[in-house]
N, C-alpha and C. Protein backbone atom coordinates (compact mmCIF):
# COMPACT_ATOMS: atom_id res chain seq x y z
N UNK A 1 0.85 -1.17 0.00
CA UNK A 1 0.00 0.00 0.00
C UNK A 1 0.89 1.24 0.00
N UNK A 2 0.65 2.13 -0.94
CA UNK A 2 1.44 3.36 -0.98
C UNK A 2 0.84 4.42 -0.05
N UNK A 3 1.54 5.52 0.08
CA UNK A 3 1.14 6.58 1.01
C UNK A 3 -0.25 7.13 0.69
N UNK A 4 -0.55 7.35 -0.59
CA UNK A 4 -1.84 7.90 -0.98
C UNK A 4 -2.98 6.92 -0.65
N UNK A 5 -2.76 5.64 -0.94
CA UNK A 5 -3.78 4.63 -0.62
C UNK A 5 -4.02 4.59 0.89
N UNK A 6 -2.94 4.63 1.65
CA UNK A 6 -3.06 4.61 3.11
C UNK A 6 -3.88 5.80 3.59
N UNK A 7 -3.55 6.99 3.09
CA UNK A 7 -4.27 8.20 3.51
C UNK A 7 -5.75 8.09 3.14
N UNK A 8 -6.05 7.60 1.96
CA UNK A 8 -7.45 7.42 1.55
C UNK A 8 -8.17 6.44 2.47
N UNK A 9 -7.50 5.35 2.84
CA UNK A 9 -8.08 4.38 3.77
C UNK A 9 -8.34 5.03 5.13
N UNK A 10 -7.36 5.82 5.58
CA UNK A 10 -7.48 6.48 6.87
C UNK A 10 -8.67 7.43 6.86
N UNK A 11 -8.82 8.20 5.81
CA UNK A 11 -9.91 9.17 5.72
C UNK A 11 -11.26 8.53 5.46
N UNK A 12 -11.28 7.28 5.02
CA UNK A 12 -12.54 6.61 4.74
C UNK A 12 -13.33 6.31 6.01
N UNK A 13 -12.65 6.29 7.14
CA UNK A 13 -13.33 5.99 8.40
C UNK A 13 -13.18 4.54 8.82
N UNK A 14 -12.61 3.70 7.97
CA UNK A 14 -12.45 2.29 8.31
C UNK A 14 -11.61 2.13 9.57
N UNK A 15 -10.50 2.86 9.66
CA UNK A 15 -9.65 2.77 10.84
C UNK A 15 -10.35 3.34 12.07
N UNK A 16 -11.13 4.38 11.85
CA UNK A 16 -11.82 5.05 12.95
C UNK A 16 -12.73 4.08 13.70
N UNK A 17 -13.56 3.36 12.97
CA UNK A 17 -14.48 2.43 13.64
C UNK A 17 -13.71 1.26 14.25
N UNK A 18 -12.63 0.82 13.60
CA UNK A 18 -11.81 -0.25 14.17
C UNK A 18 -11.19 0.21 15.49
N UNK A 19 -10.69 1.42 15.53
CA UNK A 19 -10.07 1.95 16.75
C UNK A 19 -11.10 2.04 17.86
N UNK A 20 -12.27 2.57 17.56
CA UNK A 20 -13.31 2.71 18.59
C UNK A 20 -13.72 1.35 19.14
N UNK A 21 -13.90 0.37 18.29
CA UNK A 21 -14.31 -0.97 18.73
C UNK A 21 -13.20 -1.68 19.48
N UNK A 22 -11.99 -1.65 18.97
CA UNK A 22 -10.90 -2.41 19.59
C UNK A 22 -10.41 -1.78 20.89
N UNK A 23 -10.76 -0.51 21.13
CA UNK A 23 -10.29 0.16 22.34
C UNK A 23 -11.12 -0.17 23.57
N UNK A 24 -12.31 -0.73 23.40
CA UNK A 24 -13.18 -1.03 24.54
C UNK A 24 -12.47 -1.98 25.50
N UNK A 25 -12.47 -1.60 26.77
CA UNK A 25 -11.83 -2.41 27.80
C UNK A 25 -10.36 -2.10 28.01
N UNK A 26 -9.77 -1.33 27.12
CA UNK A 26 -8.35 -0.98 27.24
C UNK A 26 -8.18 0.19 28.21
N UNK A 27 -6.98 0.31 28.76
CA UNK A 27 -6.66 1.44 29.63
C UNK A 27 -5.80 2.42 28.87
N UNK A 28 -6.10 3.68 29.03
CA UNK A 28 -5.27 4.74 28.47
C UNK A 28 -4.38 5.24 29.59
N UNK A 29 -3.09 5.10 29.43
CA UNK A 29 -2.17 5.39 30.51
C UNK A 29 -1.52 6.77 30.43
N UNK A 30 -1.72 7.48 29.31
CA UNK A 30 -1.07 8.78 29.17
C UNK A 30 -1.80 9.61 28.11
N UNK A 31 -1.61 10.93 28.15
CA UNK A 31 -2.16 11.76 27.08
C UNK A 31 -1.61 11.38 25.71
N UNK A 32 -0.36 10.95 25.67
CA UNK A 32 0.21 10.52 24.40
C UNK A 32 -0.53 9.30 23.86
N UNK A 33 -0.92 8.39 24.75
CA UNK A 33 -1.72 7.23 24.35
C UNK A 33 -3.07 7.65 23.78
N UNK A 34 -3.69 8.64 24.44
CA UNK A 34 -4.96 9.17 23.94
C UNK A 34 -4.77 9.75 22.55
N UNK A 35 -3.71 10.51 22.37
CA UNK A 35 -3.40 11.13 21.08
C UNK A 35 -3.29 10.06 19.99
N UNK A 36 -2.57 8.99 20.26
CA UNK A 36 -2.38 7.94 19.26
C UNK A 36 -3.67 7.19 18.94
N UNK A 37 -4.56 7.07 19.92
CA UNK A 37 -5.86 6.45 19.67
C UNK A 37 -6.75 7.39 18.85
N UNK A 38 -6.71 8.68 19.17
CA UNK A 38 -7.64 9.63 18.57
C UNK A 38 -7.21 10.17 17.22
N UNK A 39 -5.93 10.22 16.94
CA UNK A 39 -5.44 10.81 15.68
C UNK A 39 -6.11 10.16 14.46
N UNK A 40 -6.21 8.82 14.36
CA UNK A 40 -6.89 8.25 13.18
C UNK A 40 -8.39 8.57 13.15
N UNK A 41 -8.98 8.75 14.32
CA UNK A 41 -10.41 9.08 14.36
C UNK A 41 -10.62 10.49 13.81
N UNK A 42 -9.75 11.43 14.16
CA UNK A 42 -9.88 12.78 13.63
C UNK A 42 -9.53 12.85 12.15
N UNK A 43 -8.70 11.95 11.67
CA UNK A 43 -8.33 11.95 10.25
C UNK A 43 -9.52 11.59 9.36
N UNK A 44 -10.50 10.90 9.93
CA UNK A 44 -11.69 10.51 9.17
C UNK A 44 -12.39 11.72 8.57
N UNK A 45 -12.43 12.79 9.32
CA UNK A 45 -13.06 14.02 8.84
C UNK A 45 -12.25 15.18 9.38
N UNK A 46 -11.31 15.68 8.57
CA UNK A 46 -10.37 16.68 9.04
C UNK A 46 -10.69 18.10 8.57
N UNK A 47 -11.96 18.34 8.24
CA UNK A 47 -12.33 19.67 7.74
C UNK A 47 -13.16 20.48 8.73
N UNK A 48 -13.45 19.90 9.91
CA UNK A 48 -14.22 20.61 10.93
C UNK A 48 -13.66 20.26 12.31
N UNK A 49 -13.96 21.12 13.27
CA UNK A 49 -13.64 20.80 14.66
C UNK A 49 -14.67 19.81 15.16
N UNK A 50 -14.19 18.83 15.91
CA UNK A 50 -15.08 17.83 16.50
C UNK A 50 -14.64 17.56 17.94
N UNK A 51 -15.60 17.20 18.76
CA UNK A 51 -15.31 16.83 20.14
C UNK A 51 -15.72 15.39 20.35
N UNK A 52 -14.80 14.61 20.89
CA UNK A 52 -15.08 13.24 21.30
C UNK A 52 -14.92 13.16 22.80
N UNK A 53 -15.66 12.25 23.41
CA UNK A 53 -15.45 11.93 24.80
C UNK A 53 -15.09 10.45 24.90
N UNK A 54 -14.11 10.19 25.72
CA UNK A 54 -13.74 8.82 26.05
C UNK A 54 -14.33 8.57 27.43
N UNK A 55 -15.29 7.67 27.49
CA UNK A 55 -15.98 7.34 28.73
C UNK A 55 -15.31 6.12 29.35
N UNK A 56 -15.00 6.20 30.64
CA UNK A 56 -14.27 5.12 31.30
C UNK A 56 -14.97 4.68 32.58
N UNK A 57 -14.67 3.43 32.98
CA UNK A 57 -15.24 2.90 34.22
C UNK A 57 -14.33 3.23 35.40
N UNK A 58 -14.67 2.69 36.57
CA UNK A 58 -13.92 2.99 37.79
C UNK A 58 -12.49 2.47 37.74
N UNK A 59 -12.20 1.52 36.86
CA UNK A 59 -10.84 0.99 36.72
C UNK A 59 -10.10 1.65 35.56
N UNK A 60 -10.66 2.77 35.09
CA UNK A 60 -10.10 3.55 33.99
C UNK A 60 -9.96 2.74 32.70
N UNK A 61 -10.91 1.87 32.48
CA UNK A 61 -10.97 1.11 31.24
C UNK A 61 -12.02 1.75 30.34
N UNK A 62 -11.72 1.81 29.06
CA UNK A 62 -12.60 2.48 28.11
C UNK A 62 -13.92 1.71 27.96
N UNK A 63 -15.00 2.43 28.14
CA UNK A 63 -16.34 1.91 27.89
C UNK A 63 -16.72 2.24 26.45
N UNK A 64 -16.47 3.50 26.06
CA UNK A 64 -16.85 3.95 24.72
C UNK A 64 -16.08 5.20 24.36
N UNK A 65 -15.89 5.40 23.06
CA UNK A 65 -15.37 6.65 22.51
C UNK A 65 -16.46 7.16 21.60
N UNK A 66 -17.03 8.32 21.92
CA UNK A 66 -18.18 8.82 21.17
C UNK A 66 -17.99 10.26 20.73
N UNK A 67 -18.46 10.52 19.52
CA UNK A 67 -18.47 11.88 18.97
C UNK A 67 -19.61 12.64 19.64
N UNK A 68 -19.27 13.71 20.32
CA UNK A 68 -20.28 14.49 21.04
C UNK A 68 -20.64 15.78 20.32
N UNK A 69 -19.82 16.20 19.34
CA UNK A 69 -20.12 17.45 18.66
C UNK A 69 -19.32 17.57 17.36
N UNK A 70 -20.00 17.97 16.31
CA UNK A 70 -19.36 18.36 15.06
C UNK A 70 -19.57 19.86 14.92
N UNK A 71 -18.52 20.57 14.59
CA UNK A 71 -18.61 22.02 14.51
C UNK A 71 -18.31 22.57 13.14
N UNK A 72 -17.59 23.67 13.15
CA UNK A 72 -17.19 24.34 11.92
C UNK A 72 -15.67 24.30 11.84
N UNK A 73 -15.11 25.10 10.96
CA UNK A 73 -13.65 25.09 10.80
C UNK A 73 -12.90 25.63 12.01
N UNK A 74 -13.58 26.40 12.87
CA UNK A 74 -12.86 26.96 14.01
C UNK A 74 -13.63 26.91 15.32
N UNK A 75 -14.69 26.11 15.38
CA UNK A 75 -15.50 26.10 16.59
C UNK A 75 -16.37 24.84 16.63
N UNK A 76 -16.47 24.26 17.79
CA UNK A 76 -17.40 23.14 18.01
C UNK A 76 -18.26 23.49 19.22
N UNK A 77 -19.56 23.42 19.06
CA UNK A 77 -20.48 23.70 20.15
C UNK A 77 -20.55 22.45 21.03
N UNK A 78 -20.36 22.66 22.32
CA UNK A 78 -20.34 21.54 23.26
C UNK A 78 -21.50 21.71 24.24
N UNK A 79 -22.29 20.68 24.37
CA UNK A 79 -23.44 20.69 25.26
C UNK A 79 -23.16 19.81 26.48
N UNK A 80 -22.87 20.42 27.64
CA UNK A 80 -22.59 19.63 28.84
C UNK A 80 -23.70 18.62 29.14
N UNK A 81 -24.94 19.00 28.90
CA UNK A 81 -26.07 18.12 29.17
C UNK A 81 -25.93 16.79 28.43
N UNK A 82 -25.49 16.84 27.18
CA UNK A 82 -25.35 15.62 26.39
C UNK A 82 -24.22 14.73 26.92
N UNK A 83 -23.15 15.37 27.37
CA UNK A 83 -22.04 14.60 27.94
C UNK A 83 -22.49 13.93 29.24
N UNK A 84 -23.24 14.65 30.05
CA UNK A 84 -23.74 14.09 31.31
C UNK A 84 -24.71 12.95 31.03
N UNK A 85 -25.60 13.12 30.07
CA UNK A 85 -26.55 12.05 29.72
C UNK A 85 -25.81 10.78 29.32
N UNK A 86 -24.77 10.91 28.48
CA UNK A 86 -24.02 9.72 28.04
C UNK A 86 -23.21 9.11 29.19
N UNK A 87 -22.66 9.96 30.06
CA UNK A 87 -21.91 9.47 31.21
C UNK A 87 -22.81 8.60 32.08
N UNK A 88 -24.01 9.08 32.33
CA UNK A 88 -24.97 8.32 33.15
C UNK A 88 -25.42 7.06 32.42
N UNK A 89 -25.78 7.19 31.13
CA UNK A 89 -26.26 6.04 30.37
C UNK A 89 -25.22 4.93 30.28
N UNK A 90 -23.94 5.31 30.19
CA UNK A 90 -22.86 4.32 30.08
C UNK A 90 -22.33 3.86 31.43
N UNK A 91 -22.87 4.47 32.50
CA UNK A 91 -22.41 4.17 33.86
C UNK A 91 -20.91 4.45 33.99
N UNK A 92 -20.46 5.51 33.34
CA UNK A 92 -19.04 5.89 33.37
C UNK A 92 -18.74 6.67 34.65
N UNK A 93 -17.51 6.54 35.12
CA UNK A 93 -17.11 7.29 36.30
C UNK A 93 -16.12 8.40 35.97
N UNK A 94 -15.56 8.36 34.76
CA UNK A 94 -14.66 9.42 34.35
C UNK A 94 -14.70 9.60 32.83
N UNK A 95 -14.24 10.77 32.42
CA UNK A 95 -14.31 11.17 31.02
C UNK A 95 -13.00 11.87 30.64
N UNK A 96 -12.57 11.62 29.42
CA UNK A 96 -11.50 12.41 28.81
C UNK A 96 -12.13 13.08 27.60
N UNK A 97 -12.08 14.41 27.57
CA UNK A 97 -12.55 15.16 26.41
C UNK A 97 -11.39 15.31 25.44
N UNK A 98 -11.68 15.17 24.15
CA UNK A 98 -10.65 15.32 23.13
C UNK A 98 -11.27 16.08 21.96
N UNK A 99 -10.66 17.18 21.58
CA UNK A 99 -11.13 17.87 20.38
C UNK A 99 -9.94 18.29 19.54
N UNK A 100 -10.23 18.63 18.29
CA UNK A 100 -9.15 18.97 17.36
C UNK A 100 -9.16 20.46 17.03
N UNK A 101 -7.98 20.94 16.69
CA UNK A 101 -7.80 22.29 16.15
C UNK A 101 -7.28 22.13 14.73
N UNK A 102 -8.05 22.59 13.77
CA UNK A 102 -7.65 22.44 12.37
C UNK A 102 -6.38 23.20 12.03
N UNK A 103 -6.12 24.28 12.74
CA UNK A 103 -4.92 25.08 12.47
C UNK A 103 -3.64 24.30 12.78
N UNK A 104 -3.77 23.26 13.57
CA UNK A 104 -2.60 22.51 14.01
C UNK A 104 -2.04 23.01 15.32
N UNK A 105 -2.38 24.25 15.71
CA UNK A 105 -1.92 24.85 16.96
C UNK A 105 -2.76 24.30 18.10
N UNK A 106 -2.13 23.65 19.06
CA UNK A 106 -2.87 23.01 20.14
C UNK A 106 -2.99 23.85 21.41
N UNK A 107 -2.64 25.12 21.32
CA UNK A 107 -2.76 26.01 22.47
C UNK A 107 -4.24 26.15 22.84
N UNK A 108 -4.60 25.89 24.10
CA UNK A 108 -6.01 26.01 24.50
C UNK A 108 -6.48 27.46 24.43
N UNK A 109 -7.65 27.65 23.87
CA UNK A 109 -8.25 28.99 23.82
C UNK A 109 -8.95 29.27 25.15
N UNK A 110 -9.37 30.49 25.31
CA UNK A 110 -10.15 30.87 26.51
C UNK A 110 -11.42 30.03 26.58
N UNK A 111 -12.09 29.84 25.42
CA UNK A 111 -13.30 29.02 25.38
C UNK A 111 -13.01 27.56 25.74
N UNK A 112 -11.86 27.05 25.30
CA UNK A 112 -11.47 25.67 25.65
C UNK A 112 -11.37 25.53 27.17
N UNK A 113 -10.78 26.51 27.81
CA UNK A 113 -10.62 26.46 29.27
C UNK A 113 -11.97 26.60 29.97
N UNK A 114 -12.82 27.49 29.45
CA UNK A 114 -14.14 27.69 30.06
C UNK A 114 -15.00 26.42 29.99
N UNK A 115 -14.99 25.76 28.83
CA UNK A 115 -15.82 24.55 28.71
C UNK A 115 -15.24 23.42 29.56
N UNK A 116 -13.93 23.42 29.75
CA UNK A 116 -13.31 22.42 30.62
C UNK A 116 -13.83 22.56 32.04
N UNK A 117 -13.91 23.78 32.53
CA UNK A 117 -14.46 24.02 33.88
C UNK A 117 -15.92 23.60 33.92
N UNK A 118 -16.68 24.00 32.93
CA UNK A 118 -18.12 23.71 32.90
C UNK A 118 -18.37 22.20 32.90
N UNK A 119 -17.66 21.46 32.06
CA UNK A 119 -17.84 20.00 32.01
C UNK A 119 -17.32 19.37 33.30
N UNK A 120 -16.17 19.86 33.80
CA UNK A 120 -15.62 19.33 35.04
C UNK A 120 -16.59 19.46 36.21
N UNK A 121 -17.20 20.63 36.35
CA UNK A 121 -18.18 20.87 37.42
C UNK A 121 -19.40 19.98 37.21
N UNK A 122 -19.87 19.89 35.99
CA UNK A 122 -21.05 19.06 35.69
C UNK A 122 -20.79 17.60 36.04
N UNK A 123 -19.61 17.09 35.68
CA UNK A 123 -19.28 15.70 36.00
C UNK A 123 -19.16 15.48 37.50
N UNK A 124 -18.49 16.39 38.19
CA UNK A 124 -18.36 16.26 39.65
C UNK A 124 -19.73 16.23 40.32
N UNK A 125 -20.67 16.99 39.79
CA UNK A 125 -21.99 17.06 40.40
C UNK A 125 -22.75 15.73 40.31
N UNK A 126 -22.33 14.83 39.43
CA UNK A 126 -22.97 13.51 39.34
C UNK A 126 -22.04 12.39 39.83
N UNK A 127 -20.94 12.77 40.48
CA UNK A 127 -20.04 11.77 41.04
C UNK A 127 -19.05 11.19 40.06
N UNK A 128 -18.86 11.84 38.93
CA UNK A 128 -17.85 11.42 37.95
C UNK A 128 -16.79 12.51 37.89
N UNK A 129 -15.72 12.28 37.16
CA UNK A 129 -14.74 13.35 37.04
C UNK A 129 -14.09 13.39 35.67
N UNK A 130 -13.56 14.56 35.39
CA UNK A 130 -12.88 14.82 34.12
C UNK A 130 -11.40 14.55 34.32
N UNK A 131 -10.88 13.52 33.65
CA UNK A 131 -9.45 13.20 33.74
C UNK A 131 -8.60 14.22 33.00
N UNK A 132 -9.06 14.59 31.80
CA UNK A 132 -8.22 15.44 30.96
C UNK A 132 -9.07 16.03 29.84
N UNK A 133 -8.56 17.08 29.25
CA UNK A 133 -9.11 17.66 28.03
C UNK A 133 -7.90 17.81 27.11
N UNK A 134 -7.90 17.05 26.04
CA UNK A 134 -6.75 17.00 25.13
C UNK A 134 -7.13 17.64 23.81
N UNK A 135 -6.24 18.48 23.31
CA UNK A 135 -6.43 19.12 22.02
C UNK A 135 -5.46 18.46 21.04
N UNK A 136 -6.01 18.02 19.92
CA UNK A 136 -5.22 17.35 18.88
C UNK A 136 -5.04 18.30 17.71
N UNK A 137 -3.82 18.43 17.27
CA UNK A 137 -3.47 19.24 16.09
C UNK A 137 -2.27 18.60 15.44
N UNK A 138 -1.25 19.40 15.16
CA UNK A 138 -0.01 18.84 14.64
C UNK A 138 0.62 17.90 15.67
N UNK A 139 0.35 18.18 16.93
CA UNK A 139 0.78 17.35 18.05
C UNK A 139 -0.42 17.28 18.99
N UNK A 140 -0.21 17.34 20.29
CA UNK A 140 -1.34 17.38 21.22
C UNK A 140 -0.99 18.26 22.41
N UNK A 141 -2.04 18.70 23.10
CA UNK A 141 -1.88 19.45 24.34
C UNK A 141 -2.79 18.82 25.37
N UNK A 142 -2.24 18.44 26.50
CA UNK A 142 -3.00 17.87 27.60
C UNK A 142 -3.20 18.94 28.67
N UNK A 143 -4.45 19.24 28.97
CA UNK A 143 -4.71 20.24 30.02
C UNK A 143 -4.36 19.70 31.39
N UNK A 144 -4.34 18.38 31.55
CA UNK A 144 -3.89 17.79 32.82
C UNK A 144 -2.38 17.95 32.95
N UNK A 145 -1.64 17.54 31.93
CA UNK A 145 -0.17 17.62 31.98
C UNK A 145 0.34 19.05 32.09
N UNK A 146 -0.36 20.00 31.48
CA UNK A 146 0.10 21.39 31.52
C UNK A 146 -0.30 22.10 32.82
N UNK A 147 -1.06 21.41 33.67
CA UNK A 147 -1.44 21.98 34.96
C UNK A 147 -2.76 22.72 34.98
N UNK A 148 -3.40 22.88 33.83
CA UNK A 148 -4.66 23.64 33.77
C UNK A 148 -5.74 22.94 34.59
N UNK A 149 -5.87 21.63 34.45
CA UNK A 149 -6.90 20.90 35.20
C UNK A 149 -6.59 20.97 36.70
N UNK A 150 -5.33 20.83 37.06
CA UNK A 150 -4.95 20.94 38.47
C UNK A 150 -5.28 22.30 39.06
N UNK A 151 -5.12 23.34 38.26
CA UNK A 151 -5.43 24.70 38.72
C UNK A 151 -6.93 24.90 38.90
N UNK A 152 -7.73 24.32 38.03
CA UNK A 152 -9.18 24.59 38.10
C UNK A 152 -9.93 23.57 38.96
N UNK A 153 -9.33 22.42 39.27
CA UNK A 153 -10.02 21.39 40.06
C UNK A 153 -10.50 21.93 41.41
N UNK A 154 -9.68 22.68 42.18
CA UNK A 154 -10.19 23.22 43.45
C UNK A 154 -11.40 24.15 43.25
N UNK A 155 -11.37 24.95 42.19
CA UNK A 155 -12.51 25.83 41.90
C UNK A 155 -13.75 25.02 41.58
N UNK A 156 -13.57 23.91 40.83
CA UNK A 156 -14.70 23.07 40.47
C UNK A 156 -15.31 22.46 41.74
N UNK A 157 -14.46 21.94 42.61
CA UNK A 157 -14.96 21.32 43.85
C UNK A 157 -15.66 22.35 44.74
N UNK A 158 -15.10 23.56 44.76
CA UNK A 158 -15.70 24.62 45.56
C UNK A 158 -17.10 24.97 45.04
N UNK A 159 -17.26 24.97 43.73
CA UNK A 159 -18.56 25.32 43.15
C UNK A 159 -19.65 24.32 43.49
N UNK A 160 -19.29 23.05 43.68
CA UNK A 160 -20.36 22.07 43.96
C UNK A 160 -20.52 21.78 45.45
N UNK A 161 -19.65 22.34 46.28
CA UNK A 161 -19.78 22.07 47.72
C UNK A 161 -20.69 23.07 48.41
């Protein structure tokens, strides 16, 4: 298979569904692992911003990877209510949010940080928690690894207490 054939296969979505199915029950041990799982999923449709959630059980094993929002070239609308509904329906105890930046720049925007707080508070209010919010572009940015989640976690807990 040459490079062009591979890219066409990747964009067809065949790898995307294989990744989602084969990942069930697996543990994600690092943001880099999340990036490697999600990169082929984002390649399926690389012309819009999309948000996926990785729903996990109490042992941090993947229950499901689901597309929660399709947006435009520079924005994806995220509905906390829908994420909470799926978290409850799947009996998940934690979530990793992953979205893409078409520009390739993975620097979190102000809106990225705001929605992270909103989803984090919403999940805490139902006894679940947000492990990370990862932005995929030319590389990846982990809000947990960069300290953003650690900085906002006390504020999130304060809001629900």
